[in-house]
Amino acid sequence: MVDYFLCVIGMVLVIEGLPYFGFPEKMKEFMRFVQEQDDSILRLVGGLAMLVGLLIVYLGRRGLSCL
């Protein structure tokens, strides 16, 4: 179980690092844009991202039999 968890964390870091590696100038622009946003917008986007992530995990654990 720990091996699986570490594998998932590693993959998240790879995916998160891709935009910074491939497009550093665009990421700087995006970070400036994010800093200008209201906290409530960032909370909404973060909450929606977590819900979508949970849905993906749920569907993945079910074997995508519902699609």
C-alpha atoms as a PDB file:
ATOM      1  CA  MET A   1       0.000   0.000   0.000  1.00  0.00           C
ATOM      2  CA  VAL A   2       2.841   2.412   0.814  1.00  0.00           C
ATOM      3  CA  ASP A   3       4.485   1.588  -2.522  1.00  0.00           C
ATOM      4  CA  TYR A   4       1.273   2.515  -4.349  1.00  0.00           C
ATOM      5  CA  PHE A   5       0.986   5.779  -2.400  1.00  0.00           C
ATOM      6  CA  LEU A   6       4.580   6.743  -3.185  1.00  0.00           C
ATOM      7  CA  CYS A   7       4.011   5.936  -6.857  1.00  0.00           C
ATOM      8  CA  VAL A   8       0.958   8.211  -6.928  1.00  0.00           C
ATOM      9  CA  ILE A   9       2.826  11.048  -5.190  1.00  0.00           C
ATOM     10  CA  GLY A  10       5.684  10.666  -7.672  1.00  0.00           C
ATOM     11  CA  MET A  11       3.325  10.837 -10.641  1.00  0.00           C
ATOM     12  CA  VAL A  12       1.633  13.941  -9.220  1.00  0.00           C
ATOM     13  CA  LEU A  13       5.023  15.641  -8.934  1.00  0.00           C
ATOM     14  CA  VAL A  14       5.895  14.696 -12.526  1.00  0.00           C
ATOM     15  CA  ILE A  15       2.596  16.091 -13.842  1.00  0.00           C
ATOM     16  CA  GLU A  16       2.886  19.233 -11.693  1.00  0.00           C
ATOM     17  CA  GLY A  17       6.440  19.854 -12.884  1.00  0.00           C
ATOM     18  CA  LEU A  18       5.737  19.573 -16.614  1.00  0.00           C
ATOM     19  CA  PRO A  19       4.370  23.122 -17.150  1.00  0.00           C
ATOM     20  CA  TYR A  20       7.251  24.687 -15.191  1.00  0.00           C
ATOM     21  CA  PHE A  21       9.807  22.730 -17.220  1.00  0.00           C
ATOM     22  CA  GLY A  22       8.163  23.258 -20.604  1.00  0.00           C
ATOM     23  CA  PHE A  23       6.802  26.780 -20.316  1.00  0.00           C
ATOM     24  CA  PRO A  24       8.512  28.724 -17.501  1.00  0.00           C
ATOM     25  CA  GLU A  25       7.634  32.151 -18.935  1.00  0.00           C
ATOM     26  CA  LYS A  26       3.944  31.253 -19.260  1.00  0.00           C
ATOM     27  CA  MET A  27       3.917  29.895 -15.705  1.00  0.00           C
ATOM     28  CA  LYS A  28       5.271  33.222 -14.428  1.00  0.00           C
ATOM     29  CA  GLU A  29       2.435  35.009 -16.237  1.00  0.00           C
ATOM     30  CA  PHE A  30      -0.075  32.541 -14.823  1.00  0.00           C
ATOM     31  CA  MET A  31       1.239  33.040 -11.274  1.00  0.00           C
ATOM     32  CA  ARG A  32       0.813  36.807 -11.627  1.00  0.00           C
ATOM     33  CA  PHE A  33      -2.752  36.195 -12.825  1.00  0.00           C
ATOM     34  CA  VAL A  34      -3.461  33.903  -9.853  1.00  0.00           C
ATOM     35  CA  GLN A  35      -2.139  36.495  -7.391  1.00  0.00           C
ATOM     36  CA  GLU A  36      -4.649  39.018  -8.734  1.00  0.00           C
ATOM     37  CA  GLN A  37      -7.635  36.723  -8.125  1.00  0.00           C
ATOM     38  CA  ASP A  38      -9.903  37.004  -5.094  1.00  0.00           C
ATOM     39  CA  ASP A  39      -9.476  34.345  -2.382  1.00  0.00           C
ATOM     40  CA  SER A  40     -13.057  33.146  -2.860  1.00  0.00           C
ATOM     41  CA  ILE A  41     -12.381  32.369  -6.540  1.00  0.00           C
ATOM     42  CA  LEU A  42      -9.247  30.412  -5.643  1.00  0.00           C
ATOM     43  CA  ARG A  43     -11.159  28.451  -2.987  1.00  0.00           C
ATOM     44  CA  LEU A  44     -13.901  27.648  -5.507  1.00  0.00           C
ATOM     45  CA  VAL A  45     -11.398  26.468  -8.124  1.00  0.00           C
ATOM     46  CA  GLY A  46      -9.500  24.429  -5.509  1.00  0.00           C
ATOM     47  CA  GLY A  47     -12.707  22.824  -4.232  1.00  0.00           C
ATOM     48  CA  LEU A  48     -13.831  21.942  -7.751  1.00  0.00           C
ATOM     49  CA  ALA A  49     -10.408  20.464  -8.531  1.00  0.00           C
ATOM     50  CA  MET A  50     -10.615  18.300  -5.404  1.00  0.00           C
ATOM     51  CA  LEU A  51     -14.114  17.100  -6.314  1.00  0.00           C
ATOM     52  CA  VAL A  52     -13.032  16.205  -9.850  1.00  0.00           C
ATOM     53  CA  GLY A  53      -9.981  14.412  -8.439  1.00  0.00           C
ATOM     54  CA  LEU A  54     -12.144  12.418  -6.031  1.00  0.00           C
ATOM     55  CA  LEU A  55     -14.506  11.513  -8.865  1.00  0.00           C
ATOM     56  CA  ILE A  56     -11.567  10.289 -10.971  1.00  0.00           C
ATOM     57  CA  VAL A  57     -10.249   8.208  -8.060  1.00  0.00           C
ATOM     58  CA  TYR A  58     -13.735   6.789  -7.438  1.00  0.00           C
ATOM     59  CA  LEU A  59     -14.203   5.853 -11.091  1.00  0.00           C
ATOM     60  CA  GLY A  60     -10.702   4.404 -11.265  1.00  0.00           C
ATOM     61  CA  ARG A  61     -11.276   2.250  -8.180  1.00  0.00           C
ATOM     62  CA  ARG A  62     -14.553   0.965  -9.641  1.00  0.00           C
ATOM     63  CA  GLY A  63     -12.740  -0.075 -12.815  1.00  0.00           C
ATOM     64  CA  LEU A  64     -14.696   2.386 -14.973  1.00  0.00           C
ATOM     65  CA  SER A  65     -17.508  -0.157 -15.237  1.00  0.00           C
ATOM     66  CA  CYS A  66     -20.110   2.599 -15.148  1.00  0.00           C
ATOM     67  CA  LEU A  67     -18.950   4.215 -18.421  1.00  0.00           C
END
